[in-house]
Amino acid sequence: MKCPKCGNNAPDGSAFCNQCGTPLNSDIQCPSCNNLIPGNSVFCPKCGKMVRNDMNEGETFNQQQARLRQEQEAAAAQEAERQRQEEARLIKQQEYERQRQEEMRRQQAAAAAAAARQQADPWQKSQQYEEEEYDEEETAPKSNFNRNLVTGIAIVVGVVILLMLLRTCGNDSDRSNPALADSTATEMLNGQDPLAVFNSEMGRSNYMGDGATTATAIAVPAHDGKPNYILGITYQSDPTNRSFYKIYKVTQNGTAWSLEQLHTQYINGRSVSFNNAELIAADGQTPRAVTIDGKDYFYYAYANMPQGSHVGGTGRVSLCLYDVDDHKLTTLDYDGIITVREDGRQYVNGKPLQSVNGTLTRFLAQEAQSIKVIYFPTEEELKAQQEEEEKAEEEASLEGPENASARWSADNEEKVASAKGGHEVTMKPQTYDKPIFKSENKHKSISNEEYVVFSDNSGAVYGFNKNSRKYFVIYTPSTPTTPSDIGFADSENNILNIRTAEGRFQYNLKSDKFKSNNE
């Protein structure tokens, strides 16, 4: 009995195809005579009526049968190709396993040979001493060989231990927190690249269907009773919607690996990049595995920019510590203006958003010094920046109608001194939409067609422009004093006389000319 889907010859009486599982003889009811007939019938064997019409328009029965056979043959060929690919994958996997087992046997054999040589040395030495008693001259060459062999092995072992100590000391001197191991080491993987193992396991476990790209993977050798494992990151950068990255752990269990997703971080409306070239960071600096206060952490950094980031916009660089055991994430973000420095590259001239007041954030702040895309200003730049901030604060303190007198004094104090010396100066008035003095403090007011002028009890003089509906300061004493007297010297030309505790002055309301008036 031939399967209508894959063309396989199934045993007679089969209800389903033993190759693809397609139902073979499910009974159906004839729409004409209502008898139960085989499900694959085209014509009813009872009444001869057509049961189903799978033919295309204008297609004869023979053409239909030929088309069905072609479809069955194509399905069979597709299934055969799938089986061939599966067999090829199994053969490749078996070859990989065979090479790994062979490498393990080689290492075990080397270790056993080394152990045998170590056990044989004492026996060879005792034999040497016994033979020397009988025939010292005859055994001298052999004893010298054994002695040289032992000496050579001791020298090699000593050199290896020395190199390990120097490497450990070097790591301790370079980093305030010691790394678990050199993350680039691949001895634990029998020469395999951690990134290759990570990608292989991600593909085998069908974890790459989210559209993410592999960013990095590092190897963490066994330590403190924990087996070998790999930490890896995948990410998708989509600044128009939502970017994300994911952290995975691949643990070695004997000769196999097990994959576990540890963390997912979403970032709205920003692009992400783990590229060391964009971070301007040295290879091996990030990412890496570190131990802080006896706990295992995964340290990494990435650029985190808004959509359409450009020079003058705000950029961000994020440094992170992920607690491998407790699954907690600590982040230190550096936000700042994107600038172009002397080498032509863009930098984030930033400060940390979070407070640096704990062991983990202090570690990240120290590591930030090696991420050169973050620009740390010099002392001179910091001083200039502080002065600018103080000036901005001072300017802010002089804004608003309530600070009108203080603003006038800051802008015109030197000009008043010059006018006292006999010079005519042009004052710098600041106009306001709202009143700049309290009516209960008013001492006197005068007006003409264009202006109203007020004096208050502290000695200050204010003006109001009837046409523009703006208020402004005419004069403010350096310290509060008695009220100033005001009057028009020439009302038509808007010339005002002011008699103050500091002297007599004349003010042109149109041109803002100000001079001493001793007449």
Protein backbone atom coordinates (compact mmCIF):
# COMPACT_ATOMS: atom_id res chain seq x y z
CA MET A 1 0.00 0.00 0.00
CA LYS A 2 1.61 3.29 -1.17
CA CYS A 3 1.47 6.43 1.04
CA PRO A 4 -0.20 9.32 -0.85
CA LYS A 5 2.14 11.86 0.79
CA CYS A 6 5.67 10.43 0.73
CA GLY A 7 5.20 7.47 -1.65
CA ASN A 8 6.42 4.92 0.89
CA ASN A 9 5.19 1.31 0.43
CA ALA A 10 3.49 0.66 3.77
CA PRO A 11 2.57 -2.90 4.87
CA ASP A 12 -0.89 -4.06 3.79
CA GLY A 13 -3.59 -3.26 6.33
CA SER A 14 -1.69 -0.27 7.74
CA ALA A 15 -3.84 2.60 9.02
CA PHE A 16 -0.92 5.06 8.97
CA CYS A 17 2.27 5.41 6.91
CA ASN A 18 5.22 3.90 8.80
CA GLN A 19 7.53 6.53 7.24
CA CYS A 20 5.74 9.91 7.70
CA GLY A 21 2.63 9.02 9.79
CA THR A 22 0.05 10.08 7.17
CA PRO A 23 -3.38 8.31 7.58
CA LEU A 24 -3.83 5.71 4.80
CA ASN A 25 -7.36 4.24 4.79
CA SER A 26 -9.48 6.43 7.03
CA ASP A 27 -13.05 5.74 5.92
CA ILE A 28 -15.27 8.57 4.67
CA GLN A 29 -18.96 8.72 3.81
CA CYS A 30 -19.95 8.92 0.12
CA PRO A 31 -22.02 12.11 -0.36
CA SER A 32 -24.25 10.29 -2.92
CA CYS A 33 -25.03 6.83 -1.49
CA ASN A 34 -23.89 7.44 2.15
CA ASN A 35 -21.80 4.24 2.20
CA LEU A 36 -18.46 4.16 4.07
CA ILE A 37 -15.61 4.00 1.54
CA PRO A 38 -11.75 4.31 1.77
CA GLY A 39 -10.65 7.86 2.55
CA ASN A 40 -8.36 8.11 -0.52
CA SER A 41 -11.14 7.29 -2.99
CA VAL A 42 -11.72 9.63 -5.91
CA PHE A 43 -14.85 7.71 -7.12
CA CYS A 44 -17.22 5.78 -4.86
CA PRO A 45 -16.73 2.01 -5.37
CA LYS A 46 -20.45 1.50 -4.50
CA CYS A 47 -22.28 3.98 -6.72
CA GLY A 48 -19.50 5.23 -9.03
CA LYS A 49 -20.05 8.89 -8.21
CA MET A 50 -17.04 11.21 -7.88
CA VAL A 51 -16.25 11.68 -4.20
CA ARG A 52 -13.56 14.42 -4.41
CA ASN A 53 -12.16 16.53 -7.18
CA ASP A 54 -8.46 17.37 -6.76
CA MET A 55 -8.10 18.17 -10.44
CA ASN A 56 -7.26 21.60 -11.68
CA GLU A 57 -9.58 23.25 -14.17
CA GLY A 58 -9.36 21.39 -17.49
CA GLU A 59 -7.33 18.53 -15.96
CA THR A 60 -8.22 14.96 -16.96
CA PHE A 61 -8.22 12.08 -14.54
CA ASN A 62 -4.98 10.68 -15.96
CA GLN A 63 -3.37 14.10 -15.71
CA GLN A 64 -4.55 14.33 -12.12
CA GLN A 65 -3.04 10.96 -11.31
CA ALA A 66 0.23 11.97 -12.94
CA ARG A 67 0.26 15.23 -10.93
CA LEU A 68 -0.41 13.34 -7.71
CA ARG A 69 2.45 10.94 -8.47
CA GLN A 70 4.77 13.91 -9.09
CA GLU A 71 3.74 15.48 -5.80
CA GLN A 72 4.35 12.18 -4.02
CA GLU A 73 7.75 11.80 -5.65
CA ALA A 74 8.68 15.40 -4.69
CA ALA A 75 7.60 14.75 -1.11
CA ALA A 76 9.61 11.53 -1.06
CA ALA A 77 12.68 13.35 -2.44
CA GLN A 78 12.28 16.10 0.18
CA GLU A 79 12.06 13.53 2.96
CA ALA A 80 15.13 11.71 1.59
CA GLU A 81 17.08 15.00 1.55
CA ARG A 82 16.03 15.68 5.15
CA GLN A 83 17.21 12.22 6.18
CA ARG A 84 20.50 12.78 4.34
CA GLN A 85 21.09 16.08 6.15
CA GLU A 86 20.24 14.50 9.49
CA GLU A 87 22.67 11.63 8.82
CA ALA A 88 25.37 14.15 7.86
CA ARG A 89 24.75 16.08 11.07
CA LEU A 90 24.97 12.90 13.16
CA ILE A 91 28.20 11.89 11.39
CA LYS A 92 29.69 15.34 12.05
CA GLN A 93 28.63 15.20 15.70
CA GLN A 94 30.08 11.68 16.06
CA GLU A 95 33.36 12.87 14.50
CA TYR A 96 33.50 15.82 16.91
CA GLU A 97 32.83 13.47 19.86
CA ARG A 98 35.48 11.02 18.60
CA GLN A 99 38.10 13.80 18.38
CA ARG A 100 37.21 15.05 21.84
CA GLN A 101 37.43 11.54 23.33
CA GLU A 102 40.73 10.99 21.54
CA GLU A 103 42.10 14.26 22.96
CA MET A 104 40.97 13.27 26.46
CA ARG A 105 42.64 9.84 26.11
CA ARG A 106 45.81 11.56 24.90
CA GLN A 107 45.87 13.86 27.91
CA GLN A 108 45.12 10.98 30.29
CA ALA A 109 47.90 8.92 28.73
CA ALA A 110 50.35 11.81 29.07
CA ALA A 111 49.36 12.27 32.71
CA ALA A 112 49.73 8.55 33.40
CA ALA A 113 53.17 8.50 31.73
CA ALA A 114 54.29 11.46 33.83
CA ALA A 115 53.04 9.74 37.01
CA ALA A 116 54.83 6.52 36.03
CA ARG A 117 58.09 8.42 35.51
CA GLN A 118 57.75 10.04 38.92
CA GLN A 119 57.17 6.66 40.58
CA ALA A 120 60.06 5.08 38.68
CA ASP A 121 62.65 7.67 39.71
CA PRO A 122 63.11 6.47 43.33
CA TRP A 123 63.46 2.87 42.17
CA GLN A 124 66.02 3.82 39.52
CA LYS A 125 68.03 5.72 42.10
CA SER A 126 68.09 2.74 44.49
CA GLN A 127 69.17 0.44 41.65
CA GLN A 128 71.88 2.92 40.78
CA TYR A 129 73.32 2.88 44.29
CA GLU A 130 73.25 -0.95 44.49
CA GLU A 131 75.01 -1.35 41.14
CA GLU A 132 77.67 1.18 42.13
CA GLU A 133 78.70 -1.10 45.00
CA TYR A 134 79.49 -3.91 42.57
CA ASP A 135 80.72 -2.18 39.50
CA GLU A 136 80.88 1.61 39.78
CA GLU A 137 82.70 2.07 36.51
CA GLU A 138 80.23 -0.01 34.47
CA THR A 139 77.02 1.68 35.74
CA ALA A 140 78.27 5.26 35.72
CA PRO A 141 76.78 6.14 32.30
CA LYS A 142 73.35 4.75 33.23
CA SER A 143 73.22 6.54 36.59
CA ASN A 144 74.25 9.79 34.95
CA PHE A 145 71.41 9.43 32.45
CA ASN A 146 68.85 8.84 35.20
CA ARG A 147 70.21 11.73 37.21
CA ASN A 148 70.02 14.03 34.17
CA LEU A 149 66.47 12.88 33.41
CA VAL A 150 65.29 13.62 36.96
CA THR A 151 67.06 16.97 36.91
CA GLY A 152 65.47 17.91 33.60
CA ILE A 153 61.98 17.03 34.80
CA ALA A 154 62.52 19.03 37.99
CA ILE A 155 63.68 22.04 35.98
CA VAL A 156 60.64 21.87 33.67
CA VAL A 157 58.23 21.59 36.62
CA GLY A 158 59.98 24.49 38.36
CA VAL A 159 59.73 26.69 35.26
CA VAL A 160 56.00 25.92 34.86
CA ILE A 161 55.31 26.76 38.53
CA LEU A 162 57.34 29.96 38.25
CA LEU A 163 55.43 31.09 35.16
CA MET A 164 52.12 30.39 36.91
CA LEU A 165 53.21 32.44 39.93
CA LEU A 166 54.38 35.33 37.73
CA ARG A 167 51.12 35.29 35.81
CA THR A 168 49.09 35.32 39.04
CA CYS A 169 51.16 38.19 40.45
CA GLY A 170 50.77 40.12 37.22
CA ASN A 171 46.99 39.76 37.30
CA ASP A 172 46.89 40.87 40.93
CA SER A 173 49.00 43.94 40.24
CA ASP A 174 46.96 44.98 37.19
CA ARG A 175 43.53 44.68 38.77
CA SER A 176 42.24 45.62 42.21
CA ASN A 177 39.85 42.65 42.07
CA PRO A 178 41.46 39.37 40.90
CA ALA A 179 39.90 37.63 37.92
CA LEU A 180 38.74 34.04 38.25
CA ALA A 181 41.11 33.17 35.43
CA ASP A 182 42.32 34.50 32.14
CA SER A 183 39.07 34.62 30.21
CA THR A 184 40.85 33.95 26.94
CA ALA A 185 42.24 30.60 28.17
CA THR A 186 40.90 27.60 26.25
CA GLU A 187 42.73 24.75 27.97
CA MET A 188 39.51 23.79 29.75
CA LEU A 189 37.82 23.36 26.36
CA ASN A 190 40.52 21.09 24.90
CA GLY A 191 41.58 23.78 22.48
CA GLN A 192 38.08 24.83 21.43
CA ASP A 193 37.11 28.50 21.16
CA PRO A 194 34.52 29.52 23.82
CA LEU A 195 32.63 31.53 21.20
CA ALA A 196 32.40 28.49 18.91
CA VAL A 197 31.11 26.28 21.74
CA PHE A 198 28.60 28.95 22.78
CA ASN A 199 27.25 29.40 19.24
CA SER A 200 27.05 25.64 18.76
CA GLU A 201 25.04 25.13 21.95
CA MET A 202 22.79 28.12 21.17
CA GLY A 203 22.00 26.66 17.76
CA ARG A 204 21.51 23.14 19.10
CA SER A 205 19.08 24.41 21.75
CA ASN A 206 17.17 26.63 19.27
CA TYR A 207 17.87 29.84 21.24
CA MET A 208 18.76 31.96 18.21
CA GLY A 209 15.20 32.38 16.92
CA ASP A 210 14.74 35.81 18.54
CA GLY A 211 16.79 37.60 15.86
CA ALA A 212 19.68 38.33 18.25
CA THR A 213 23.38 38.33 17.34
CA THR A 214 26.17 36.87 19.45
CA ALA A 215 28.15 39.65 21.13
CA THR A 216 30.77 37.74 23.11
CA ALA A 217 31.57 34.57 25.07
CA ILE A 218 34.25 33.85 27.69
CA ALA A 219 35.44 30.66 29.36
CA VAL A 220 35.48 30.32 33.16
CA PRO A 221 37.62 27.36 34.34
CA ALA A 222 36.46 25.16 37.22
CA HIS A 223 37.09 26.68 40.66
CA ASP A 224 35.84 26.38 44.25
CA GLY A 225 34.01 23.16 43.46
CA LYS A 226 32.25 24.64 40.43
CA PRO A 227 32.59 22.98 36.99
CA ASN A 228 33.84 24.62 33.82
CA TYR A 229 31.35 27.02 32.27
CA ILE A 230 31.00 29.65 29.54
CA LEU A 231 29.27 33.05 29.85
CA GLY A 232 27.90 34.56 26.66
CA ILE A 233 25.85 37.56 25.51
CA THR A 234 23.51 37.92 22.54
CA TYR A 235 21.88 41.21 21.58
CA GLN A 236 19.57 42.94 19.11
CA SER A 237 19.95 46.67 18.41
CA ASP A 238 16.66 48.29 17.37
CA PRO A 239 16.69 52.03 18.27
CA THR A 240 13.33 52.67 16.56
CA ASN A 241 11.56 50.17 18.81
CA ARG A 242 13.17 48.23 21.64
CA SER A 243 16.69 46.82 21.86
CA PHE A 244 17.68 44.01 24.20
CA TYR A 245 20.52 41.78 25.28
CA LYS A 246 20.54 38.37 26.99
CA ILE A 247 23.07 36.60 29.21
CA TYR A 248 23.54 32.82 28.98
CA LYS A 249 25.55 30.26 30.95
CA VAL A 250 26.81 27.05 29.30
CA THR A 251 27.97 24.52 31.94
CA GLN A 252 30.16 21.52 31.17
CA ASN A 253 28.72 18.27 32.55
CA GLY A 254 31.24 15.54 31.84
CA THR A 255 31.51 15.36 28.07
CA ALA A 256 28.31 17.35 27.41
CA TRP A 257 27.14 20.94 27.84
CA SER A 258 23.93 22.36 29.32
CA LEU A 259 22.60 25.81 28.37
CA GLU A 260 20.79 28.19 30.74
CA GLN A 261 19.41 31.71 30.09
CA LEU A 262 20.28 33.93 33.07
CA HIS A 263 19.08 37.46 32.30
CA THR A 264 17.26 39.64 29.74
CA GLN A 265 17.67 43.43 29.63
CA TYR A 266 15.39 45.61 27.46
CA ILE A 267 16.43 49.13 26.33
CA ASN A 268 13.76 51.33 24.74
CA GLY A 269 14.59 53.65 21.85
CA ARG A 270 18.38 53.24 22.01
CA SER A 271 20.97 51.32 20.01
CA VAL A 272 23.47 49.03 21.74
CA SER A 273 26.98 47.91 20.79
CA PHE A 274 29.41 45.58 22.58
CA ASN A 275 32.19 46.28 20.06
CA ASN A 276 35.50 46.99 21.81
CA ALA A 277 36.54 49.23 18.91
CA GLU A 278 33.57 51.52 19.57
CA LEU A 279 34.23 51.44 23.31
CA ILE A 280 37.93 52.10 22.62
CA ALA A 281 38.78 49.36 25.12
CA ALA A 282 41.63 46.85 25.12
CA ASP A 283 40.86 43.22 24.23
CA GLY A 284 40.55 41.13 27.39
CA GLN A 285 39.58 44.14 29.48
CA THR A 286 35.91 43.65 28.79
CA PRO A 287 34.19 41.28 29.08
CA ARG A 288 35.76 39.08 31.75
CA ALA A 289 34.93 37.04 34.83
CA VAL A 290 35.93 38.57 38.18
CA THR A 291 35.68 37.71 41.87
CA ILE A 292 34.65 40.46 44.29
CA ASP A 293 34.32 39.71 48.01
CA GLY A 294 34.37 35.98 47.24
CA LYS A 295 31.51 36.11 44.70
CA ASP A 296 31.56 35.40 40.95
CA TYR A 297 30.62 38.26 38.62
CA PHE A 298 30.40 38.71 34.86
CA TYR A 299 31.83 42.15 33.96
CA TYR A 300 30.98 43.74 30.59
CA ALA A 301 30.40 47.17 29.02
CA TYR A 302 28.48 48.46 26.03
CA ALA A 303 27.69 51.69 24.18
CA ASN A 304 24.09 52.75 24.69
CA MET A 305 23.10 55.58 22.32
CA PRO A 306 19.75 57.22 21.51
CA GLN A 307 18.27 57.14 18.02
CA GLY A 308 20.03 59.58 15.69
CA SER A 309 22.88 60.27 18.13
CA HIS A 310 25.22 62.98 16.88
CA VAL A 311 27.84 65.43 18.05
CA GLY A 312 26.19 67.70 20.59
CA GLY A 313 23.62 65.05 21.52
CA THR A 314 23.63 63.00 24.69
CA GLY A 315 25.38 59.62 24.66
CA ARG A 316 25.72 56.87 27.23
CA VAL A 317 28.20 54.12 28.10
CA SER A 318 26.99 51.41 30.50
CA LEU A 319 29.31 49.29 32.67
CA CYS A 320 27.76 46.22 34.31
CA LEU A 321 28.44 43.52 36.90
CA TYR A 322 26.16 40.48 36.79
CA ASP A 323 26.07 38.24 39.89
CA VAL A 324 26.28 34.74 38.38
CA ASP A 325 24.84 32.99 41.46
CA ASP A 326 22.27 35.51 42.77
CA HIS A 327 21.29 36.82 39.30
CA LYS A 328 21.52 40.49 40.29
CA LEU A 329 22.67 43.23 37.91
CA THR A 330 24.64 46.31 39.01
CA THR A 331 24.99 49.08 36.40
CA LEU A 332 26.97 52.34 36.29
CA ASP A 333 25.88 54.60 33.40
CA TYR A 334 28.05 57.46 32.11
CA ASP A 335 25.88 60.09 30.39
CA GLY A 336 27.23 63.14 28.63
CA ILE A 337 27.50 65.29 25.53
CA ILE A 338 28.95 63.56 22.45
CA THR A 339 32.05 65.48 21.31
CA VAL A 340 34.85 64.97 18.79
CA ARG A 341 38.37 65.00 20.19
CA GLU A 342 41.73 65.58 18.53
CA ASP A 343 41.96 62.07 17.06
CA GLY A 344 38.66 62.59 15.19
CA ARG A 345 36.70 60.00 17.16
CA GLN A 346 33.52 60.64 19.13
CA TYR A 347 33.58 60.61 22.92
CA VAL A 348 31.02 60.79 25.69
CA ASN A 349 32.07 63.61 28.00
CA GLY A 350 30.13 62.21 30.91
CA LYS A 351 29.60 61.68 34.60
CA PRO A 352 28.08 58.60 36.31
CA LEU A 353 24.32 58.80 36.78
CA GLN A 354 24.37 56.55 39.85
CA SER A 355 26.17 57.21 43.14
CA VAL A 356 29.56 55.54 43.50
CA ASN A 357 29.29 54.48 47.11
CA GLY A 358 29.66 50.70 47.19
CA THR A 359 32.21 47.99 46.38
CA LEU A 360 30.59 47.08 43.06
CA THR A 361 30.07 50.63 41.80
CA ARG A 362 33.62 51.57 42.86
CA PHE A 363 34.89 48.62 40.80
CA LEU A 364 32.90 49.84 37.78
CA ALA A 365 34.10 53.43 38.27
CA GLN A 366 37.70 52.18 38.25
CA GLU A 367 37.09 50.10 35.12
CA ALA A 368 35.55 53.16 33.42
CA GLN A 369 39.04 54.68 33.31
CA SER A 370 40.00 52.02 30.72
CA ILE A 371 36.93 52.66 28.52
CA LYS A 372 38.44 55.46 26.46
CA VAL A 373 35.18 56.44 24.75
CA ILE A 374 34.35 58.03 28.12
CA TYR A 375 36.23 61.33 28.32
CA PHE A 376 37.32 62.44 31.78
CA PRO A 377 38.06 66.21 31.81
CA THR A 378 41.36 67.67 33.06
CA GLU A 379 41.62 69.84 36.19
CA GLU A 380 41.58 72.98 34.05
CA GLU A 381 38.47 71.81 32.22
CA LEU A 382 36.80 70.91 35.52
CA LYS A 383 37.59 74.38 36.89
CA ALA A 384 36.22 76.09 33.79
CA GLN A 385 33.15 73.87 33.92
CA GLN A 386 32.61 74.78 37.58
CA GLU A 387 32.91 78.48 36.78
CA GLU A 388 30.38 78.14 34.01
CA GLU A 389 27.99 76.33 36.33
CA GLU A 390 28.42 79.01 39.02
CA LYS A 391 27.82 81.73 36.43
CA ALA A 392 24.71 79.94 35.22
CA GLU A 393 23.47 79.68 38.81
CA GLU A 394 24.15 83.38 39.33
CA GLU A 395 22.30 84.23 36.14
CA ALA A 396 19.39 82.07 37.26
CA SER A 397 19.31 83.87 40.60
CA LEU A 398 18.86 87.19 38.75
CA GLU A 399 16.01 86.02 36.57
CA GLY A 400 12.42 87.09 37.20
CA PRO A 401 10.69 90.35 38.21
CA GLU A 402 11.43 89.75 41.89
CA ASN A 403 15.17 90.07 41.15
CA ALA A 404 14.93 93.15 38.93
CA SER A 405 16.94 95.44 41.26
CA ALA A 406 19.69 92.85 41.72
CA ARG A 407 19.91 92.34 37.95
CA TRP A 408 20.16 96.13 37.32
CA SER A 409 22.95 96.50 39.92
CA ALA A 410 24.92 93.61 38.38
CA ASP A 411 24.61 95.08 34.87
CA ASN A 412 25.06 98.80 35.67
CA GLU A 413 27.07 99.25 38.87
CA GLU A 414 30.28 100.19 37.03
CA LYS A 415 28.36 102.56 34.76
CA VAL A 416 26.94 104.48 37.75
CA ALA A 417 30.49 104.93 39.08
CA SER A 418 31.57 106.25 35.67
CA ALA A 419 28.62 108.69 35.62
CA LYS A 420 29.62 109.98 39.05
CA GLY A 421 33.02 110.74 37.52
CA GLY A 422 31.40 113.07 34.99
CA HIS A 423 30.91 110.69 32.04
CA GLU A 424 27.72 110.10 30.14
CA VAL A 425 27.00 106.37 29.86
CA THR A 426 24.33 104.19 28.30
CA MET A 427 22.57 102.06 30.88
CA LYS A 428 21.46 98.47 30.32
CA PRO A 429 17.86 98.13 31.43
CA GLN A 430 16.04 94.77 31.66
CA THR A 431 12.34 94.85 30.80
CA TYR A 432 9.62 92.74 32.45
CA ASP A 433 6.01 91.93 31.67
CA LYS A 434 4.95 92.11 35.33
CA PRO A 435 5.38 94.80 38.02
CA ILE A 436 8.83 94.77 39.63
CA PHE A 437 8.02 96.63 42.88
CA LYS A 438 5.35 96.47 45.56
CA SER A 439 2.73 99.20 45.48
CA GLU A 440 2.80 99.57 49.27
CA ASN A 441 6.47 100.64 49.03
CA LYS A 442 5.73 103.44 46.52
CA HIS A 443 6.96 106.89 47.56
CA LYS A 444 6.16 109.03 44.50
CA SER A 445 4.97 108.69 40.91
CA ILE A 446 5.00 111.01 37.87
CA SER A 447 3.99 110.48 34.24
CA ASN A 448 3.89 111.96 30.75
CA GLU A 449 2.35 110.70 27.52
CA GLU A 450 4.73 107.73 27.16
CA TYR A 451 6.04 106.80 30.62
CA VAL A 452 5.09 106.45 34.27
CA VAL A 453 8.00 106.77 36.75
CA PHE A 454 7.90 105.54 40.38
CA SER A 455 10.25 105.89 43.33
CA ASP A 456 10.08 103.65 46.40
CA ASN A 457 11.06 103.96 50.05
CA SER A 458 14.48 102.27 49.52
CA GLY A 459 15.72 104.91 47.04
CA ALA A 460 15.12 102.84 43.85
CA VAL A 461 13.46 104.34 40.75
CA TYR A 462 11.35 102.32 38.28
CA GLY A 463 9.72 103.05 34.93
CA PHE A 464 6.73 101.77 32.94
CA ASN A 465 6.47 102.15 29.15
CA LYS A 466 2.85 102.77 28.24
CA ASN A 467 3.33 101.72 24.61
CA SER A 468 5.17 98.40 25.14
CA ARG A 469 3.54 97.68 28.51
CA LYS A 470 6.97 96.82 29.96
CA TYR A 471 8.46 97.56 33.40
CA PHE A 472 12.15 98.43 33.89
CA VAL A 473 14.60 99.71 36.53
CA ILE A 474 16.01 103.26 36.18
CA TYR A 475 18.16 103.45 39.27
CA THR A 476 18.96 101.34 42.35
CA PRO A 477 21.20 102.52 45.25
CA SER A 478 24.09 100.31 46.31
CA THR A 479 22.49 100.04 49.76
CA PRO A 480 18.90 100.86 50.86
CA THR A 481 18.62 104.54 51.78
CA THR A 482 16.09 107.38 51.86
CA PRO A 483 13.59 107.76 48.99
CA SER A 484 14.88 109.42 45.82
CA ASP A 485 13.13 112.52 44.42
CA ILE A 486 12.03 112.42 40.78
CA GLY A 487 10.76 115.00 38.27
CA PHE A 488 10.74 115.71 34.52
CA ALA A 489 13.41 118.12 33.33
CA ASP A 490 11.88 117.93 29.84
CA SER A 491 8.62 115.99 29.78
CA GLU A 492 8.23 116.22 26.01
CA ASN A 493 11.67 114.71 25.38
CA ASN A 494 11.39 112.21 28.27
CA ILE A 495 14.32 113.67 30.25
CA LEU A 496 14.13 112.74 33.92
CA ASN A 497 15.89 114.35 36.93
CA ILE A 498 16.74 112.08 39.87
CA ARG A 499 18.00 113.30 43.23
CA THR A 500 19.45 110.43 45.29
CA ALA A 501 21.52 109.97 48.42
CA GLU A 502 24.51 109.34 46.11
CA GLY A 503 24.04 112.52 44.08
CA ARG A 504 21.96 114.06 41.33
CA PHE A 505 21.55 112.40 37.92
CA GLN A 506 19.74 112.87 34.66
CA TYR A 507 18.21 109.96 32.69
CA ASN A 508 16.89 109.88 29.12
CA LEU A 509 13.99 107.41 29.08
CA LYS A 510 14.22 107.01 25.29
CA SER A 511 17.98 106.49 24.81
CA ASP A 512 18.87 105.22 28.34
CA LYS A 513 21.62 107.85 28.54
CA PHE A 514 22.67 108.48 32.15
CA LYS A 515 24.87 111.28 33.53
CA SER A 516 25.61 113.28 36.66
CA ASN A 517 23.56 116.49 37.03
CA ASN A 518 25.21 119.12 39.25
CA GLU A 519 23.04 122.02 38.09
